């Protein structure tokens, strides 16, 4: 098990994570799980700008198959 250093700064604490535990996001969720404190990267609430413009599916395996005829719908 690796260890981390806890630094007290007034009412706050900072945890210095070892190199192998660096997070890829600046914001994390924090929760208790029993006596453990769990840090989890937060997922963005929205897709990055331009994300859907960058998707181009040209592989024929992604072609939508024929859906056939829709059944008739009775008028109400």
C-alpha atoms as a PDB file:
ATOM      1  CA  UNK A   1       0.000   0.000   0.000  1.00  0.00           C
ATOM      2  CA  UNK A   2       1.247   3.474  -0.896  1.00  0.00           C
ATOM      3  CA  UNK A   3       0.910   6.352   1.553  1.00  0.00           C
ATOM      4  CA  UNK A   4      -0.054   9.994   1.052  1.00  0.00           C
ATOM      5  CA  UNK A   5       0.752  13.086   3.116  1.00  0.00           C
ATOM      6  CA  UNK A   6      -2.075  15.106   4.708  1.00  0.00           C
ATOM      7  CA  UNK A   7      -1.338  18.819   5.153  1.00  0.00           C
ATOM      8  CA  UNK A   8      -3.574  20.957   7.380  1.00  0.00           C
ATOM      9  CA  UNK A   9      -4.277  24.477   6.050  1.00  0.00           C
ATOM     10  CA  UNK A  10      -6.568  26.289   8.485  1.00  0.00           C
ATOM     11  CA  UNK A  11      -9.974  24.582   8.276  1.00  0.00           C
ATOM     12  CA  UNK A  12      -8.976  22.637   5.151  1.00  0.00           C
ATOM     13  CA  UNK A  13      -6.709  19.688   4.450  1.00  0.00           C
ATOM     14  CA  UNK A  14      -4.641  18.944   1.374  1.00  0.00           C
ATOM     15  CA  UNK A  15      -3.663  15.404   0.438  1.00  0.00           C
ATOM     16  CA  UNK A  16      -0.449  14.966  -1.558  1.00  0.00           C
ATOM     17  CA  UNK A  17      -0.983  11.902  -3.724  1.00  0.00           C
ATOM     18  CA  UNK A  18       1.916   9.674  -4.788  1.00  0.00           C
ATOM     19  CA  UNK A  19       2.932   9.858  -8.458  1.00  0.00           C
ATOM     20  CA  UNK A  20       1.020   6.705  -9.474  1.00  0.00           C
ATOM     21  CA  UNK A  21      -2.244   8.155  -8.142  1.00  0.00           C
ATOM     22  CA  UNK A  22      -2.367  11.495  -9.980  1.00  0.00           C
ATOM     23  CA  UNK A  23      -5.844  12.437 -11.193  1.00  0.00           C
ATOM     24  CA  UNK A  24      -6.602  13.584 -14.735  1.00  0.00           C
ATOM     25  CA  UNK A  25      -9.289  16.057 -13.635  1.00  0.00           C
ATOM     26  CA  UNK A  26      -9.038  19.109 -11.357  1.00  0.00           C
ATOM     27  CA  UNK A  27     -12.372  18.375  -9.636  1.00  0.00           C
ATOM     28  CA  UNK A  28     -13.254  15.208  -7.761  1.00  0.00           C
ATOM     29  CA  UNK A  29     -16.215  13.899  -5.808  1.00  0.00           C
ATOM     30  CA  UNK A  30     -15.559  13.053  -2.154  1.00  0.00           C
ATOM     31  CA  UNK A  31     -17.548  10.557  -0.103  1.00  0.00           C
ATOM     32  CA  UNK A  32     -17.245   8.327   2.936  1.00  0.00           C
ATOM     33  CA  UNK A  33     -17.373   4.571   2.519  1.00  0.00           C
ATOM     34  CA  UNK A  34     -17.237   3.218   6.054  1.00  0.00           C
ATOM     35  CA  UNK A  35     -14.074   4.686   7.560  1.00  0.00           C
ATOM     36  CA  UNK A  36     -12.524   5.248   4.107  1.00  0.00           C
ATOM     37  CA  UNK A  37     -12.593   8.552   2.228  1.00  0.00           C
ATOM     38  CA  UNK A  38     -13.044   7.964  -1.500  1.00  0.00           C
ATOM     39  CA  UNK A  39     -12.016  10.467  -4.193  1.00  0.00           C
ATOM     40  CA  UNK A  40     -13.632   9.962  -7.614  1.00  0.00           C
ATOM     41  CA  UNK A  41     -13.090  11.971 -10.814  1.00  0.00           C
ATOM     42  CA  UNK A  42     -16.279  13.781 -11.797  1.00  0.00           C
ATOM     43  CA  UNK A  43     -17.610  13.239 -15.285  1.00  0.00           C
ATOM     44  CA  UNK A  44     -18.456  16.381 -17.238  1.00  0.00           C
ATOM     45  CA  UNK A  45     -22.144  17.322 -17.324  1.00  0.00           C
ATOM     46  CA  UNK A  46     -22.005  18.004 -21.066  1.00  0.00           C
ATOM     47  CA  UNK A  47     -20.114  16.768 -24.116  1.00  0.00           C
ATOM     48  CA  UNK A  48     -17.060  18.828 -25.075  1.00  0.00           C
ATOM     49  CA  UNK A  49     -17.776  21.597 -27.597  1.00  0.00           C
ATOM     50  CA  UNK A  50     -17.616  20.258 -31.163  1.00  0.00           C
ATOM     51  CA  UNK A  51     -17.653  16.614 -30.015  1.00  0.00           C
ATOM     52  CA  UNK A  52     -20.515  15.538 -32.279  1.00  0.00           C
ATOM     53  CA  UNK A  53     -19.078  17.464 -35.241  1.00  0.00           C
ATOM     54  CA  UNK A  54     -15.941  15.327 -34.940  1.00  0.00           C
ATOM     55  CA  UNK A  55     -17.781  12.002 -35.264  1.00  0.00           C
ATOM     56  CA  UNK A  56     -17.865  10.580 -38.786  1.00  0.00           C
ATOM     57  CA  UNK A  57     -18.964   6.958 -39.053  1.00  0.00           C
ATOM     58  CA  UNK A  58     -18.196   5.748 -42.563  1.00  0.00           C
ATOM     59  CA  UNK A  59     -17.756   2.049 -41.765  1.00  0.00           C
ATOM     60  CA  UNK A  60     -20.481   0.049 -43.602  1.00  0.00           C
ATOM     61  CA  UNK A  61     -20.936  -2.058 -40.450  1.00  0.00           C
ATOM     62  CA  UNK A  62     -22.640   0.991 -38.900  1.00  0.00           C
ATOM     63  CA  UNK A  63     -25.265   1.337 -41.637  1.00  0.00           C
ATOM     64  CA  UNK A  64     -28.759   1.124 -40.182  1.00  0.00           C
ATOM     65  CA  UNK A  65     -30.612  -1.886 -41.587  1.00  0.00           C
ATOM     66  CA  UNK A  66     -33.973  -1.463 -43.308  1.00  0.00           C
ATOM     67  CA  UNK A  67     -36.670  -1.080 -40.644  1.00  0.00           C
ATOM     68  CA  UNK A  68     -39.529  -2.343 -42.793  1.00  0.00           C
ATOM     69  CA  UNK A  69     -43.008  -0.840 -42.911  1.00  0.00           C
ATOM     70  CA  UNK A  70     -44.620   0.762 -39.886  1.00  0.00           C
ATOM     71  CA  UNK A  71     -47.955  -0.756 -38.864  1.00  0.00           C
ATOM     72  CA  UNK A  72     -51.054   1.323 -39.536  1.00  0.00           C
ATOM     73  CA  UNK A  73     -52.225   3.415 -36.594  1.00  0.00           C
ATOM     74  CA  UNK A  74     -55.965   3.671 -35.924  1.00  0.00           C
ATOM     75  CA  UNK A  75     -57.357   7.174 -35.569  1.00  0.00           C
ATOM     76  CA  UNK A  76     -58.775   8.008 -32.175  1.00  0.00           C
END
